[in-house]
Amino acid sequence: MSRIIRTDANANLAAAVEYHGFVYLQGVVPADTGADITGQTTQVLARIDELLEIHGTDKTRLLQAQIWLKNISDREAMNQVWSAWLPADGAPARACVQAVLADPGYLVEIMVTACR
């Protein structure tokens, strides 16, 4: 039986789950909800980098991303940060939608899947 590795797990969720060389991240949200969409996106992507590194991979191995925005009109500003963060020719399959997020201060939440 293959081993499942859970990072920072609690009763409700894990920050990341690794299984068979695939790494599934939680929906990552910003720590500083006082930041604008650019600042919040930068925070989220930095946390994604940290979680992927814990599992021995990085953004060059992204397969899929799901992005939730509090306001879809923030999409262009979020995309500027997102596109600058992505490696050249390394964009994952992606969805980006407007949603009511768990905390009214969150402007963005991003969930990715990567492989090792």
N, C-alpha and C. Protein backbone atom coordinates (compact mmCIF):
# COMPACT_ATOMS: atom_id res chain seq x y z
N MET A 1 0.85 -1.17 0.00
CA MET A 1 0.00 0.00 0.00
C MET A 1 0.90 1.24 0.00
N SER A 2 0.56 2.22 -0.82
CA SER A 2 1.34 3.45 -0.91
C SER A 2 1.08 4.34 0.30
N ARG A 3 2.11 5.04 0.68
CA ARG A 3 2.05 5.93 1.84
C ARG A 3 1.41 7.27 1.45
N ILE A 4 0.57 7.78 2.31
CA ILE A 4 -0.01 9.11 2.15
C ILE A 4 0.66 10.02 3.17
N ILE A 5 1.21 11.13 2.71
CA ILE A 5 1.89 12.08 3.59
C ILE A 5 1.02 13.33 3.71
N ARG A 6 0.68 13.68 4.95
CA ARG A 6 -0.14 14.86 5.21
C ARG A 6 0.70 15.89 5.95
N THR A 7 0.67 17.13 5.48
CA THR A 7 1.43 18.22 6.08
C THR A 7 0.48 19.15 6.82
N ASP A 8 0.82 19.49 8.07
CA ASP A 8 0.03 20.42 8.88
C ASP A 8 -1.45 20.05 8.90
N ALA A 9 -1.72 18.80 9.18
CA ALA A 9 -3.10 18.32 9.20
C ALA A 9 -3.77 18.65 10.53
N ASN A 10 -5.06 18.93 10.47
CA ASN A 10 -5.88 19.08 11.67
C ASN A 10 -7.17 18.29 11.45
N ALA A 11 -8.17 18.51 12.27
CA ALA A 11 -9.41 17.74 12.17
C ALA A 11 -10.16 18.00 10.86
N ASN A 12 -9.93 19.17 10.25
CA ASN A 12 -10.70 19.55 9.06
C ASN A 12 -9.96 19.42 7.74
N LEU A 13 -8.65 19.63 7.76
CA LEU A 13 -7.90 19.65 6.50
C LEU A 13 -6.42 19.51 6.74
N ALA A 14 -5.70 19.31 5.66
CA ALA A 14 -4.24 19.31 5.68
C ALA A 14 -3.78 20.41 4.74
N ALA A 15 -2.65 21.02 5.05
CA ALA A 15 -2.11 22.06 4.16
C ALA A 15 -1.70 21.45 2.83
N ALA A 16 -1.24 20.19 2.87
CA ALA A 16 -0.86 19.47 1.65
C ALA A 16 -1.00 17.98 1.91
N VAL A 17 -1.28 17.27 0.83
CA VAL A 17 -1.34 15.81 0.89
C VAL A 17 -0.56 15.29 -0.31
N GLU A 18 0.36 14.36 -0.04
CA GLU A 18 1.15 13.76 -1.11
C GLU A 18 0.81 12.28 -1.22
N TYR A 19 0.61 11.83 -2.45
CA TYR A 19 0.29 10.43 -2.70
C TYR A 19 0.76 10.06 -4.11
N HIS A 20 1.52 9.02 -4.22
CA HIS A 20 2.02 8.52 -5.51
C HIS A 20 2.72 9.60 -6.33
N GLY A 21 3.46 10.49 -5.66
CA GLY A 21 4.20 11.51 -6.38
C GLY A 21 3.40 12.74 -6.78
N PHE A 22 2.14 12.78 -6.38
CA PHE A 22 1.31 13.95 -6.62
C PHE A 22 1.14 14.71 -5.31
N VAL A 23 1.17 16.02 -5.39
CA VAL A 23 1.03 16.88 -4.22
C VAL A 23 -0.20 17.76 -4.42
N TYR A 24 -1.15 17.62 -3.51
CA TYR A 24 -2.41 18.37 -3.54
C TYR A 24 -2.38 19.39 -2.42
N LEU A 25 -2.47 20.66 -2.76
CA LEU A 25 -2.46 21.69 -1.72
C LEU A 25 -3.88 22.10 -1.36
N GLN A 26 -4.01 22.56 -0.13
CA GLN A 26 -5.26 23.16 0.32
C GLN A 26 -5.50 24.43 -0.47
N GLY A 27 -6.67 25.02 -0.33
CA GLY A 27 -6.88 26.37 -0.84
C GLY A 27 -6.06 27.31 0.03
N VAL A 28 -5.05 27.93 -0.54
CA VAL A 28 -4.15 28.79 0.22
C VAL A 28 -4.69 30.21 0.22
N VAL A 29 -4.75 30.80 1.40
CA VAL A 29 -5.27 32.16 1.57
C VAL A 29 -4.18 33.06 2.16
N PRO A 30 -4.33 34.36 2.03
CA PRO A 30 -3.32 35.28 2.54
C PRO A 30 -3.33 35.37 4.06
N ALA A 31 -2.17 35.65 4.64
CA ALA A 31 -2.08 35.89 6.09
C ALA A 31 -2.51 37.31 6.43
N ASP A 32 -2.17 38.26 5.57
CA ASP A 32 -2.49 39.68 5.80
C ASP A 32 -3.67 40.08 4.94
N THR A 33 -4.84 40.12 5.54
CA THR A 33 -6.05 40.47 4.79
C THR A 33 -6.17 41.97 4.56
N GLY A 34 -5.26 42.75 5.10
CA GLY A 34 -5.27 44.19 4.86
C GLY A 34 -4.62 44.57 3.55
N ALA A 35 -3.93 43.62 2.91
CA ALA A 35 -3.26 43.88 1.64
C ALA A 35 -4.27 43.91 0.50
N ASP A 36 -3.89 44.58 -0.60
CA ASP A 36 -4.75 44.60 -1.78
C ASP A 36 -4.59 43.28 -2.54
N ILE A 37 -5.25 43.15 -3.68
CA ILE A 37 -5.22 41.89 -4.43
C ILE A 37 -3.80 41.51 -4.84
N THR A 38 -2.98 42.49 -5.20
CA THR A 38 -1.60 42.21 -5.57
C THR A 38 -0.83 41.65 -4.38
N GLY A 39 -0.96 42.29 -3.23
CA GLY A 39 -0.28 41.84 -2.03
C GLY A 39 -0.77 40.48 -1.56
N GLN A 40 -2.08 40.27 -1.59
CA GLN A 40 -2.62 38.98 -1.16
C GLN A 40 -2.19 37.86 -2.10
N THR A 41 -2.21 38.13 -3.39
CA THR A 41 -1.78 37.10 -4.35
C THR A 41 -0.31 36.76 -4.14
N THR A 42 0.51 37.75 -3.92
CA THR A 42 1.94 37.53 -3.66
C THR A 42 2.13 36.66 -2.42
N GLN A 43 1.38 36.93 -1.35
CA GLN A 43 1.46 36.12 -0.13
C GLN A 43 1.07 34.67 -0.40
N VAL A 44 -0.03 34.50 -1.11
CA VAL A 44 -0.53 33.15 -1.39
C VAL A 44 0.49 32.36 -2.21
N LEU A 45 1.05 32.97 -3.23
CA LEU A 45 2.02 32.27 -4.07
C LEU A 45 3.29 31.94 -3.31
N ALA A 46 3.71 32.79 -2.39
CA ALA A 46 4.87 32.49 -1.55
C ALA A 46 4.59 31.28 -0.67
N ARG A 47 3.40 31.19 -0.12
CA ARG A 47 3.03 30.04 0.71
C ARG A 47 2.96 28.77 -0.14
N ILE A 48 2.45 28.88 -1.35
CA ILE A 48 2.43 27.72 -2.26
C ILE A 48 3.85 27.24 -2.51
N ASP A 49 4.77 28.17 -2.77
CA ASP A 49 6.18 27.80 -2.95
C ASP A 49 6.70 27.02 -1.74
N GLU A 50 6.39 27.50 -0.53
CA GLU A 50 6.85 26.83 0.69
C GLU A 50 6.30 25.41 0.80
N LEU A 51 5.01 25.26 0.57
CA LEU A 51 4.39 23.94 0.69
C LEU A 51 4.92 22.98 -0.36
N LEU A 52 5.10 23.45 -1.57
CA LEU A 52 5.65 22.57 -2.61
C LEU A 52 7.07 22.14 -2.27
N GLU A 53 7.86 23.07 -1.74
CA GLU A 53 9.24 22.74 -1.37
C GLU A 53 9.29 21.67 -0.28
N ILE A 54 8.39 21.75 0.68
CA ILE A 54 8.32 20.72 1.74
C ILE A 54 8.16 19.33 1.12
N HIS A 55 7.46 19.27 0.00
CA HIS A 55 7.19 17.98 -0.64
C HIS A 55 8.14 17.69 -1.80
N GLY A 56 9.24 18.43 -1.88
CA GLY A 56 10.27 18.12 -2.86
C GLY A 56 9.92 18.46 -4.29
N THR A 57 9.08 19.46 -4.48
CA THR A 57 8.71 19.88 -5.82
C THR A 57 8.64 21.40 -5.87
N ASP A 58 8.22 21.93 -6.99
CA ASP A 58 8.12 23.39 -7.12
C ASP A 58 7.13 23.75 -8.22
N LYS A 59 7.01 25.03 -8.47
CA LYS A 59 6.01 25.53 -9.42
C LYS A 59 6.27 25.10 -10.86
N THR A 60 7.46 24.59 -11.17
CA THR A 60 7.71 24.09 -12.52
C THR A 60 7.00 22.77 -12.76
N ARG A 61 6.45 22.18 -11.71
CA ARG A 61 5.78 20.88 -11.80
C ARG A 61 4.27 20.99 -11.57
N LEU A 62 3.71 22.20 -11.70
CA LEU A 62 2.27 22.40 -11.52
C LEU A 62 1.49 21.70 -12.61
N LEU A 63 0.39 21.08 -12.21
CA LEU A 63 -0.51 20.43 -13.16
C LEU A 63 -1.84 21.18 -13.28
N GLN A 64 -2.34 21.65 -12.15
CA GLN A 64 -3.67 22.25 -12.13
C GLN A 64 -3.74 23.33 -11.07
N ALA A 65 -4.54 24.36 -11.33
CA ALA A 65 -4.79 25.42 -10.34
C ALA A 65 -6.26 25.80 -10.37
N GLN A 66 -6.77 26.06 -9.19
CA GLN A 66 -8.12 26.60 -9.03
C GLN A 66 -7.97 27.90 -8.27
N ILE A 67 -8.53 28.97 -8.81
CA ILE A 67 -8.40 30.28 -8.20
C ILE A 67 -9.79 30.85 -7.95
N TRP A 68 -9.99 31.29 -6.70
CA TRP A 68 -11.23 31.93 -6.33
C TRP A 68 -10.94 33.39 -5.98
N LEU A 69 -11.70 34.30 -6.57
CA LEU A 69 -11.56 35.72 -6.29
C LEU A 69 -12.82 36.24 -5.65
N LYS A 70 -12.66 37.11 -4.67
CA LYS A 70 -13.82 37.75 -4.05
C LYS A 70 -14.55 38.59 -5.09
N ASN A 71 -13.77 39.24 -5.95
CA ASN A 71 -14.34 40.10 -6.98
C ASN A 71 -13.64 39.79 -8.30
N ILE A 72 -14.37 39.31 -9.28
CA ILE A 72 -13.77 38.91 -10.55
C ILE A 72 -13.11 40.09 -11.26
N SER A 73 -13.46 41.30 -10.89
CA SER A 73 -12.80 42.47 -11.50
C SER A 73 -11.33 42.58 -11.06
N ASP A 74 -10.93 41.80 -10.03
CA ASP A 74 -9.52 41.75 -9.61
C ASP A 74 -8.70 40.77 -10.45
N ARG A 75 -9.34 40.13 -11.41
CA ARG A 75 -8.66 39.08 -12.20
C ARG A 75 -7.42 39.60 -12.91
N GLU A 76 -7.51 40.75 -13.53
CA GLU A 76 -6.36 41.27 -14.28
C GLU A 76 -5.17 41.54 -13.36
N ALA A 77 -5.41 42.17 -12.22
CA ALA A 77 -4.32 42.45 -11.27
C ALA A 77 -3.74 41.16 -10.71
N MET A 78 -4.61 40.19 -10.39
CA MET A 78 -4.15 38.90 -9.89
C MET A 78 -3.33 38.20 -10.97
N ASN A 79 -3.79 38.24 -12.22
CA ASN A 79 -3.08 37.59 -13.32
C ASN A 79 -1.69 38.18 -13.54
N GLN A 80 -1.51 39.46 -13.30
CA GLN A 80 -0.18 40.06 -13.45
C GLN A 80 0.80 39.42 -12.47
N VAL A 81 0.39 39.23 -11.23
CA VAL A 81 1.25 38.59 -10.23
C VAL A 81 1.42 37.11 -10.57
N TRP A 82 0.33 36.45 -10.89
CA TRP A 82 0.34 35.02 -11.23
C TRP A 82 1.27 34.74 -12.41
N SER A 83 1.12 35.50 -13.49
CA SER A 83 1.92 35.28 -14.69
C SER A 83 3.41 35.52 -14.44
N ALA A 84 3.73 36.53 -13.64
CA ALA A 84 5.13 36.81 -13.31
C ALA A 84 5.73 35.69 -12.46
N TRP A 85 4.91 35.04 -11.65
CA TRP A 85 5.35 33.96 -10.76
C TRP A 85 5.57 32.65 -11.52
N LEU A 86 4.75 32.40 -12.53
CA LEU A 86 4.86 31.14 -13.26
C LEU A 86 6.17 31.04 -14.04
N PRO A 87 6.72 29.83 -14.15
CA PRO A 87 7.90 29.64 -15.01
C PRO A 87 7.48 29.77 -16.48
N ALA A 88 8.42 30.14 -17.33
CA ALA A 88 8.14 30.25 -18.76
C ALA A 88 7.60 28.92 -19.29
N ASP A 89 6.55 28.99 -20.04
CA ASP A 89 5.91 27.79 -20.63
C ASP A 89 5.51 26.77 -19.57
N GLY A 90 5.17 27.24 -18.35
CA GLY A 90 4.84 26.31 -17.27
C GLY A 90 3.45 26.50 -16.70
N ALA A 91 2.55 27.10 -17.46
CA ALA A 91 1.20 27.33 -16.94
C ALA A 91 0.44 26.01 -16.78
N PRO A 92 -0.23 25.84 -15.64
CA PRO A 92 -1.04 24.64 -15.43
C PRO A 92 -2.43 24.81 -16.05
N ALA A 93 -3.18 23.74 -16.11
CA ALA A 93 -4.60 23.85 -16.40
C ALA A 93 -5.19 24.66 -15.26
N ARG A 94 -6.14 25.57 -15.57
CA ARG A 94 -6.57 26.50 -14.52
C ARG A 94 -8.03 26.91 -14.68
N ALA A 95 -8.66 27.14 -13.55
CA ALA A 95 -9.98 27.77 -13.50
C ALA A 95 -9.87 28.97 -12.57
N CYS A 96 -10.60 30.02 -12.88
CA CYS A 96 -10.61 31.22 -12.05
C CYS A 96 -12.05 31.73 -12.01
N VAL A 97 -12.62 31.79 -10.81
CA VAL A 97 -14.01 32.19 -10.66
C VAL A 97 -14.18 33.17 -9.50
N GLN A 98 -15.28 33.86 -9.51
CA GLN A 98 -15.67 34.71 -8.38
C GLN A 98 -16.40 33.84 -7.37
N ALA A 99 -16.13 34.08 -6.09
CA ALA A 99 -16.75 33.27 -5.04
C ALA A 99 -16.85 34.05 -3.74
N VAL A 100 -17.76 33.63 -2.89
CA VAL A 100 -17.82 34.14 -1.53
C VAL A 100 -16.81 33.32 -0.74
N LEU A 101 -15.77 33.98 -0.24
CA LEU A 101 -14.70 33.28 0.47
C LEU A 101 -15.00 33.21 1.96
N ALA A 102 -14.32 32.33 2.67
CA ALA A 102 -14.60 32.04 4.08
C ALA A 102 -14.44 33.24 5.01
N ASP A 103 -13.51 34.12 4.70
CA ASP A 103 -13.29 35.33 5.50
C ASP A 103 -13.53 36.53 4.59
N PRO A 104 -14.31 37.50 5.00
CA PRO A 104 -14.58 38.64 4.12
C PRO A 104 -13.34 39.45 3.75
N GLY A 105 -12.23 39.28 4.48
CA GLY A 105 -11.00 39.97 4.16
C GLY A 105 -10.19 39.30 3.06
N TYR A 106 -10.51 38.03 2.78
CA TYR A 106 -9.78 37.32 1.72
C TYR A 106 -10.24 37.85 0.36
N LEU A 107 -9.29 38.21 -0.47
CA LEU A 107 -9.59 38.62 -1.83
C LEU A 107 -9.28 37.52 -2.84
N VAL A 108 -8.45 36.55 -2.42
CA VAL A 108 -8.04 35.46 -3.32
C VAL A 108 -7.75 34.20 -2.51
N GLU A 109 -8.03 33.07 -3.12
CA GLU A 109 -7.67 31.76 -2.59
C GLU A 109 -7.23 30.92 -3.78
N ILE A 110 -6.10 30.23 -3.64
CA ILE A 110 -5.57 29.44 -4.74
C ILE A 110 -5.24 28.03 -4.26
N MET A 111 -5.65 27.06 -5.04
CA MET A 111 -5.39 25.65 -4.76
C MET A 111 -4.68 25.05 -5.96
N VAL A 112 -3.57 24.36 -5.75
CA VAL A 112 -2.84 23.75 -6.86
C VAL A 112 -2.57 22.28 -6.61
N THR A 113 -2.34 21.58 -7.71
CA THR A 113 -1.87 20.21 -7.69
C THR A 113 -0.58 20.18 -8.50
N ALA A 114 0.42 19.50 -7.96
CA ALA A 114 1.71 19.37 -8.64
C ALA A 114 2.17 17.93 -8.56
N CYS A 115 3.19 17.62 -9.33
CA CYS A 115 3.81 16.30 -9.21
C CYS A 115 5.26 16.48 -8.78
N ARG A 116 5.83 15.42 -8.27
CA ARG A 116 7.24 15.48 -7.83
C ARG A 116 8.15 15.26 -9.02
